[in-house]
PDB file of N, CA and C in Angstrom:
ATOM      1  N   MET A   1       5.133  21.715   6.066  1.00  0.00           N
ATOM      2  CA  MET A   1       5.393  22.044   7.438  1.00  0.00           C
ATOM      3  C   MET A   1       4.887  20.902   8.324  1.00  0.00           C
ATOM      4  N   LEU A   2       5.667  20.538   9.294  1.00  0.00           N
ATOM      5  CA  LEU A   2       5.283  19.433  10.188  1.00  0.00           C
ATOM      6  C   LEU A   2       4.791  20.009  11.502  1.00  0.00           C
ATOM      7  N   LEU A   3       3.567  19.672  11.890  1.00  0.00           N
ATOM      8  CA  LEU A   3       2.954  20.084  13.129  1.00  0.00           C
ATOM      9  C   LEU A   3       2.531  18.896  13.926  1.00  0.00           C
ATOM     10  N   THR A   4       2.376  19.067  15.235  1.00  0.00           N
ATOM     11  CA  THR A   4       1.724  18.066  16.044  1.00  0.00           C
ATOM     12  C   THR A   4       0.326  18.593  16.379  1.00  0.00           C
ATOM     13  N   VAL A   5      -0.694  17.904  15.840  1.00  0.00           N
ATOM     14  CA  VAL A   5      -2.084  18.340  16.003  1.00  0.00           C
ATOM     15  C   VAL A   5      -2.805  17.251  16.781  1.00  0.00           C
ATOM     16  N   ASN A   6      -3.302  17.614  17.956  1.00  0.00           N
ATOM     17  CA  ASN A   6      -3.996  16.668  18.843  1.00  0.00           C
ATOM     18  C   ASN A   6      -3.181  15.384  19.057  1.00  0.00           C
ATOM     19  N   GLY A   7      -1.850  15.573  19.215  1.00  0.00           N
ATOM     20  CA  GLY A   7      -0.969  14.453  19.532  1.00  0.00           C
ATOM     21  C   GLY A   7      -0.443  13.680  18.359  1.00  0.00           C
ATOM     22  N   ASP A   8      -0.928  13.988  17.146  1.00  0.00           N
ATOM     23  CA  ASP A   8      -0.474  13.290  15.936  1.00  0.00           C
ATOM     24  C   ASP A   8       0.378  14.233  15.091  1.00  0.00           C
ATOM     25  N   GLN A   9       1.463  13.676  14.507  1.00  0.00           N
ATOM     26  CA  GLN A   9       2.270  14.471  13.602  1.00  0.00           C
ATOM     27  C   GLN A   9       1.553  14.565  12.276  1.00  0.00           C
ATOM     28  N   VAL A  10       1.406  15.813  11.774  1.00  0.00           N
ATOM     29  CA  VAL A  10       0.658  16.074  10.559  1.00  0.00           C
ATOM     30  C   VAL A  10       1.468  16.987   9.660  1.00  0.00           C
ATOM     31  N   GLU A  11       1.526  16.649   8.391  1.00  0.00           N
ATOM     32  CA  GLU A  11       2.182  17.505   7.392  1.00  0.00           C
ATOM     33  C   GLU A  11       1.123  18.396   6.775  1.00  0.00           C
ATOM     34  N   VAL A  12       1.322  19.701   6.801  1.00  0.00           N
ATOM     35  CA  VAL A  12       0.413  20.635   6.161  1.00  0.00           C
ATOM     36  C   VAL A  12       1.194  21.448   5.138  1.00  0.00           C
ATOM     37  N   PRO A  13       0.506  21.906   4.085  1.00  0.00           N
ATOM     38  CA  PRO A  13       1.212  22.690   3.068  1.00  0.00           C
ATOM     39  C   PRO A  13       1.815  23.995   3.630  1.00  0.00           C
ATOM     40  N   ASN A  14       2.903  24.425   3.040  1.00  0.00           N
ATOM     41  CA  ASN A  14       3.544  25.662   3.515  1.00  0.00           C
ATOM     42  C   ASN A  14       2.699  26.890   3.227  1.00  0.00           C
ATOM     43  N   THR A  15       1.651  26.752   2.450  1.00  0.00           N
ATOM     44  CA  THR A  15       0.713  27.870   2.223  1.00  0.00           C
ATOM     45  C   THR A  15      -0.179  28.130   3.432  1.00  0.00           C
ATOM     46  N   VAL A  16      -0.253  27.188   4.359  1.00  0.00           N
ATOM     47  CA  VAL A  16      -1.018  27.355   5.586  1.00  0.00           C
ATOM     48  C   VAL A  16      -0.108  28.087   6.582  1.00  0.00           C
ATOM     49  N   LYS A  17      -0.426  29.358   6.843  1.00  0.00           N
ATOM     50  CA  LYS A  17       0.474  30.184   7.656  1.00  0.00           C
ATOM     51  C   LYS A  17      -0.121  30.662   8.965  1.00  0.00           C
ATOM     52  N   THR A  18      -1.420  30.627   9.103  1.00  0.00           N
ATOM     53  CA  THR A  18      -2.073  31.102  10.326  1.00  0.00           C
ATOM     54  C   THR A  18      -3.011  30.039  10.896  1.00  0.00           C
ATOM     55  N   ILE A  19      -3.434  30.269  12.130  1.00  0.00           N
ATOM     56  CA  ILE A  19      -4.397  29.370  12.750  1.00  0.00           C
ATOM     57  C   ILE A  19      -5.676  29.323  11.924  1.00  0.00           C
ATOM     58  N   ALA A  20      -6.144  30.501  11.470  1.00  0.00           N
ATOM     59  CA  ALA A  20      -7.388  30.534  10.652  1.00  0.00           C
ATOM     60  C   ALA A  20      -7.241  29.681   9.380  1.00  0.00           C
ATOM     61  N   GLU A  21      -6.097  29.774   8.729  1.00  0.00           N
ATOM     62  CA  GLU A  21      -5.849  28.955   7.543  1.00  0.00           C
ATOM     63  C   GLU A  21      -5.769  27.443   7.881  1.00  0.00           C
ATOM     64  N   LEU A  22      -5.221  27.167   9.056  1.00  0.00           N
ATOM     65  CA  LEU A  22      -5.156  25.753   9.505  1.00  0.00           C
ATOM     66  C   LEU A  22      -6.547  25.201   9.730  1.00  0.00           C
ATOM     67  N   LEU A  23      -7.419  25.991  10.331  1.00  0.00           N
ATOM     68  CA  LEU A  23      -8.810  25.562  10.542  1.00  0.00           C
ATOM     69  C   LEU A  23      -9.529  25.338   9.202  1.00  0.00           C
ATOM     70  N   GLN A  24      -9.246  26.183   8.229  1.00  0.00           N
ATOM     71  CA  GLN A  24      -9.816  26.011   6.874  1.00  0.00           C
ATOM     72  C   GLN A  24      -9.273  24.729   6.242  1.00  0.00           C
ATOM     73  N   HIS A  25      -7.981  24.482   6.417  1.00  0.00           N
ATOM     74  CA  HIS A  25      -7.354  23.285   5.870  1.00  0.00           C
ATOM     75  C   HIS A  25      -8.030  22.007   6.396  1.00  0.00           C
ATOM     76  N   PHE A  26      -8.373  22.010   7.660  1.00  0.00           N
ATOM     77  CA  PHE A  26      -9.029  20.859   8.294  1.00  0.00           C
ATOM     78  C   PHE A  26     -10.565  20.945   8.200  1.00  0.00           C
ATOM     79  N   GLU A  27     -11.074  21.926   7.450  1.00  0.00           N
ATOM     80  CA  GLU A  27     -12.497  22.161   7.299  1.00  0.00           C
ATOM     81  C   GLU A  27     -13.243  22.294   8.617  1.00  0.00           C
ATOM     82  N   MET A  28     -12.631  23.046   9.543  1.00  0.00           N
ATOM     83  CA  MET A  28     -13.199  23.290  10.837  1.00  0.00           C
ATOM     84  C   MET A  28     -13.530  24.768  11.059  1.00  0.00           C
ATOM     85  N   HIS A  29     -13.413  25.581  10.015  1.00  0.00           N
ATOM     86  CA  HIS A  29     -13.558  27.030  10.147  1.00  0.00           C
ATOM     87  C   HIS A  29     -14.993  27.441  10.416  1.00  0.00           C
ATOM     88  N   HIS A  30     -15.971  26.559  10.186  1.00  0.00           N
ATOM     89  CA  HIS A  30     -17.388  26.902  10.457  1.00  0.00           C
ATOM     90  C   HIS A  30     -17.872  26.336  11.798  1.00  0.00           C
ATOM     91  N   LYS A  31     -16.954  25.714  12.530  1.00  0.00           N
ATOM     92  CA  LYS A  31     -17.342  25.126  13.820  1.00  0.00           C
ATOM     93  C   LYS A  31     -16.833  25.990  14.958  1.00  0.00           C
ATOM     94  N   VAL A  32     -17.411  25.785  16.141  1.00  0.00           N
ATOM     95  CA  VAL A  32     -16.889  26.414  17.341  1.00  0.00           C
ATOM     96  C   VAL A  32     -15.706  25.562  17.769  1.00  0.00           C
ATOM     97  N   VAL A  33     -14.526  26.165  17.752  1.00  0.00           N
ATOM     98  CA  VAL A  33     -13.285  25.421  18.061  1.00  0.00           C
ATOM     99  C   VAL A  33     -12.474  26.174  19.087  1.00  0.00           C
ATOM    100  N   ILE A  34     -11.979  25.437  20.046  1.00  0.00           N
ATOM    101  CA  ILE A  34     -11.019  25.976  21.003  1.00  0.00           C
ATOM    102  C   ILE A  34      -9.644  25.586  20.492  1.00  0.00           C
ATOM    103  N   VAL A  35      -8.735  26.573  20.345  1.00  0.00           N
ATOM    104  CA  VAL A  35      -7.402  26.317  19.777  1.00  0.00           C
ATOM    105  C   VAL A  35      -6.369  26.622  20.860  1.00  0.00           C
ATOM    106  N   GLU A  36      -5.456  25.665  20.994  1.00  0.00           N
ATOM    107  CA  GLU A  36      -4.310  25.842  21.885  1.00  0.00           C
ATOM    108  C   GLU A  36      -3.063  25.704  21.033  1.00  0.00           C
ATOM    109  N   LYS A  37      -2.193  26.702  21.096  1.00  0.00           N
ATOM    110  CA  LYS A  37      -0.935  26.633  20.338  1.00  0.00           C
ATOM    111  C   LYS A  37       0.223  26.691  21.331  1.00  0.00           C
ATOM    112  N   ASN A  38       1.008  25.626  21.328  1.00  0.00           N
ATOM    113  CA  ASN A  38       2.160  25.567  22.228  1.00  0.00           C
ATOM    114  C   ASN A  38       1.762  25.850  23.675  1.00  0.00           C
ATOM    115  N   ALA A  39       0.684  25.205  24.126  1.00  0.00           N
ATOM    116  CA  ALA A  39       0.205  25.290  25.484  1.00  0.00           C
ATOM    117  C   ALA A  39      -0.441  26.631  25.853  1.00  0.00           C
ATOM    118  N   GLU A  40      -0.778  27.450  24.885  1.00  0.00           N
ATOM    119  CA  GLU A  40      -1.452  28.729  25.093  1.00  0.00           C
ATOM    120  C   GLU A  40      -2.791  28.748  24.369  1.00  0.00           C
ATOM    121  N   ILE A  41      -3.869  28.938  25.112  1.00  0.00           N
ATOM    122  CA  ILE A  41      -5.207  29.010  24.495  1.00  0.00           C
ATOM    123  C   ILE A  41      -5.365  30.365  23.797  1.00  0.00           C
ATOM    124  N   LEU A  42      -5.861  30.307  22.564  1.00  0.00           N
ATOM    125  CA  LEU A  42      -6.012  31.494  21.771  1.00  0.00           C
ATOM    126  C   LEU A  42      -7.478  31.930  21.715  1.00  0.00           C
ATOM    127  N   GLU A  43      -7.691  33.226  21.763  1.00  0.00           N
ATOM    128  CA  GLU A  43      -9.026  33.772  21.552  1.00  0.00           C
ATOM    129  C   GLU A  43      -9.345  33.678  20.051  1.00  0.00           C
ATOM    130  N   LYS A  44     -10.593  33.575  19.709  1.00  0.00           N
ATOM    131  CA  LYS A  44     -11.007  33.464  18.306  1.00  0.00           C
ATOM    132  C   LYS A  44     -10.490  34.667  17.500  1.00  0.00           C
ATOM    133  N   ALA A  45     -10.515  35.839  18.092  1.00  0.00           N
ATOM    134  CA  ALA A  45     -10.037  37.063  17.406  1.00  0.00           C
ATOM    135  C   ALA A  45      -8.559  36.974  17.020  1.00  0.00           C
ATOM    136  N   GLU A  46      -7.822  36.081  17.658  1.00  0.00           N
ATOM    137  CA  GLU A  46      -6.388  35.952  17.383  1.00  0.00           C
ATOM    138  C   GLU A  46      -6.095  35.005  16.240  1.00  0.00           C
ATOM    139  N   HIS A  47      -7.092  34.216  15.798  1.00  0.00           N
ATOM    140  CA  HIS A  47      -6.816  33.162  14.826  1.00  0.00           C
ATOM    141  C   HIS A  47      -6.242  33.662  13.505  1.00  0.00           C
ATOM    142  N   THR A  48      -6.700  34.819  13.025  1.00  0.00           N
ATOM    143  CA  THR A  48      -6.245  35.299  11.709  1.00  0.00           C
ATOM    144  C   THR A  48      -4.854  35.912  11.803  1.00  0.00           C
ATOM    145  N   ALA A  49      -4.444  36.371  12.965  1.00  0.00           N
ATOM    146  CA  ALA A  49      -3.134  37.002  13.121  1.00  0.00           C
ATOM    147  C   ALA A  49      -2.052  36.098  13.679  1.00  0.00           C
ATOM    148  N   THR A  50      -2.457  34.938  14.215  1.00  0.00           N
ATOM    149  CA  THR A  50      -1.475  34.053  14.865  1.00  0.00           C
ATOM    150  C   THR A  50      -0.811  33.138  13.830  1.00  0.00           C
ATOM    151  N   LEU A  51       0.481  33.332  13.652  1.00  0.00           N
ATOM    152  CA  LEU A  51       1.236  32.525  12.683  1.00  0.00           C
ATOM    153  C   LEU A  51       1.603  31.153  13.288  1.00  0.00           C
ATOM    154  N   ILE A  52       1.676  30.165  12.425  1.00  0.00           N
ATOM    155  CA  ILE A  52       2.128  28.844  12.848  1.00  0.00           C
ATOM    156  C   ILE A  52       3.502  28.583  12.220  1.00  0.00           C
ATOM    157  N   SER A  53       4.279  27.764  12.903  1.00  0.00           N
ATOM    158  CA  SER A  53       5.633  27.461  12.461  1.00  0.00           C
ATOM    159  C   SER A  53       5.847  25.950  12.524  1.00  0.00           C
ATOM    160  N   ASP A  54       6.858  25.502  11.788  1.00  0.00           N
ATOM    161  CA  ASP A  54       7.218  24.101  11.792  1.00  0.00           C
ATOM    162  C   ASP A  54       7.430  23.632  13.240  1.00  0.00           C
ATOM    163  N   LYS A  55       6.907  22.477  13.562  1.00  0.00           N
ATOM    164  CA  LYS A  55       7.053  21.813  14.868  1.00  0.00           C
ATOM    165  C   LYS A  55       6.157  22.438  15.976  1.00  0.00           C
ATOM    166  N   ASP A  56       5.249  23.333  15.629  1.00  0.00           N
ATOM    167  CA  ASP A  56       4.298  23.827  16.639  1.00  0.00           C
ATOM    168  C   ASP A  56       3.415  22.669  17.109  1.00  0.00           C
ATOM    169  N   LYS A  57       2.960  22.775  18.371  1.00  0.00           N
ATOM    170  CA  LYS A  57       2.032  21.808  18.924  1.00  0.00           C
ATOM    171  C   LYS A  57       0.652  22.501  19.010  1.00  0.00           C
ATOM    172  N   ILE A  58      -0.312  21.946  18.312  1.00  0.00           N
ATOM    173  CA  ILE A  58      -1.653  22.525  18.224  1.00  0.00           C
ATOM    174  C   ILE A  58      -2.670  21.526  18.785  1.00  0.00           C
ATOM    175  N   GLU A  59      -3.563  22.029  19.595  1.00  0.00           N
ATOM    176  CA  GLU A  59      -4.697  21.222  20.068  1.00  0.00           C
ATOM    177  C   GLU A  59      -5.951  21.892  19.561  1.00  0.00           C
ATOM    178  N   LEU A  60      -6.818  21.121  18.907  1.00  0.00           N
ATOM    179  CA  LEU A  60      -8.071  21.629  18.375  1.00  0.00           C
ATOM    180  C   LEU A  60      -9.207  20.837  19.023  1.00  0.00           C
ATOM    181  N   VAL A  61     -10.065  21.580  19.742  1.00  0.00           N
ATOM    182  CA  VAL A  61     -11.189  20.911  20.423  1.00  0.00           C
ATOM    183  C   VAL A  61     -12.477  21.565  19.926  1.00  0.00           C
ATOM    184  N   HIS A  62     -13.358  20.687  19.405  1.00  0.00           N
ATOM    185  CA  HIS A  62     -14.664  21.197  18.956  1.00  0.00           C
ATOM    186  C   HIS A  62     -15.761  20.385  19.585  1.00  0.00           C
ATOM    187  N   PHE A  63     -16.908  20.952  19.645  1.00  0.00           N
ATOM    188  CA  PHE A  63     -18.007  20.372  20.386  1.00  0.00           C
ATOM    189  C   PHE A  63     -18.936  19.668  19.402  1.00  0.00           C
ATOM    190  N   VAL A  64     -19.418  18.484  19.805  1.00  0.00           N
ATOM    191  CA  VAL A  64     -20.282  17.679  18.982  1.00  0.00           C
ATOM    192  C   VAL A  64     -21.591  17.437  19.780  1.00  0.00           C
ATOM    193  N   GLY A  65     -22.695  17.727  19.166  1.00  0.00           N
ATOM    194  CA  GLY A  65     -23.973  17.464  19.831  1.00  0.00           C
ATOM    195  C   GLY A  65     -24.328  15.977  19.735  1.00  0.00           C
ATOM    196  N   GLY A  66     -25.150  15.577  20.632  1.00  0.00           N
ATOM    197  CA  GLY A  66     -25.546  14.182  20.656  1.00  0.00           C
ATOM    198  C   GLY A  66     -26.532  13.877  21.758  1.00  0.00           C
ATOM    199  N   GLY A  67     -26.899  12.678  21.821  1.00  0.00           N
ATOM    200  CA  GLY A  67     -27.904  12.358  22.852  1.00  0.00           C
ATOM    201  C   GLY A  67     -27.550  11.113  23.596  1.00  0.00           C
TER     202      GLY A  67
END
Protein backbone atom coordinates (compact mmCIF):
# COMPACT_ATOMS: atom_id res chain seq x y z
CA MET A 1 0.00 0.00 0.00
CA LEU A 2 1.32 3.44 -0.90
CA LEU A 3 0.87 6.22 1.68
CA THR A 4 2.15 9.74 2.04
CA VAL A 5 3.66 9.95 5.53
CA ASN A 6 4.97 13.33 6.68
CA GLY A 7 5.21 14.42 3.04
CA ASP A 8 7.14 11.36 1.81
CA GLN A 9 5.69 8.52 -0.24
CA VAL A 10 6.08 5.30 1.72
CA GLU A 11 5.24 1.71 0.80
CA VAL A 12 3.83 -0.29 3.71
CA PRO A 13 2.77 -3.95 3.73
CA ASN A 14 -0.89 -4.70 3.02
CA THR A 15 -1.03 -6.36 6.45
CA VAL A 16 -0.93 -2.85 7.98
CA LYS A 17 -4.62 -1.97 8.09
CA THR A 18 -5.11 0.51 10.95
CA ILE A 19 -3.41 3.56 12.39
CA ALA A 20 -2.35 1.49 15.43
CA GLU A 21 -0.70 -1.08 13.14
CA LEU A 22 0.99 1.72 11.20
CA LEU A 23 2.46 3.10 14.44
CA GLN A 24 3.74 -0.40 15.29
CA HIS A 25 5.22 -0.71 11.78
CA PHE A 26 7.20 2.51 12.34
CA GLU A 27 8.02 1.47 15.95
CA MET A 28 6.22 4.52 17.31
CA HIS A 29 3.51 2.70 19.29
CA HIS A 30 5.23 3.38 22.66
CA LYS A 31 5.59 7.12 22.03
CA VAL A 32 3.16 9.98 22.46
CA VAL A 33 2.14 10.63 18.85
CA ILE A 34 -0.32 13.04 17.29
CA VAL A 35 -1.83 11.45 14.17
CA GLU A 36 -3.51 13.29 11.33
CA LYS A 37 -5.18 11.27 8.58
CA ASN A 38 -6.28 13.12 5.46
CA ALA A 39 -6.25 16.47 7.32
CA GLU A 40 -8.25 15.15 10.31
CA ILE A 41 -6.59 14.83 13.73
CA LEU A 42 -7.40 11.53 15.41
CA GLU A 43 -7.87 10.86 19.10
CA LYS A 44 -5.67 8.10 20.51
CA ALA A 45 -8.78 6.00 21.21
CA GLU A 46 -9.51 5.99 17.46
CA HIS A 47 -6.15 4.52 16.41
CA THR A 48 -7.18 0.86 16.64
CA ALA A 49 -10.45 1.33 14.75
CA THR A 50 -9.30 3.77 12.06
CA LEU A 51 -8.55 1.98 8.81
CA ILE A 52 -5.95 3.22 6.35
CA SER A 53 -6.24 2.98 2.59
CA ASP A 54 -3.95 3.29 -0.39
CA LYS A 55 -2.98 6.93 -1.06
CA ASP A 56 -3.98 8.21 2.41
CA LYS A 57 -2.03 11.21 3.68
CA ILE A 58 -0.76 10.65 7.21
CA GLU A 59 1.10 13.10 9.46
CA LEU A 60 2.84 11.67 12.53
CA VAL A 61 4.14 14.14 15.11
CA HIS A 62 5.96 12.97 18.22
CA PHE A 63 7.71 14.89 20.90
CA VAL A 64 11.41 14.64 21.63
CA GLY A 65 12.98 15.84 24.86
CA GLY A 66 16.16 17.82 24.81
CA GLY A 67 18.00 20.70 26.21
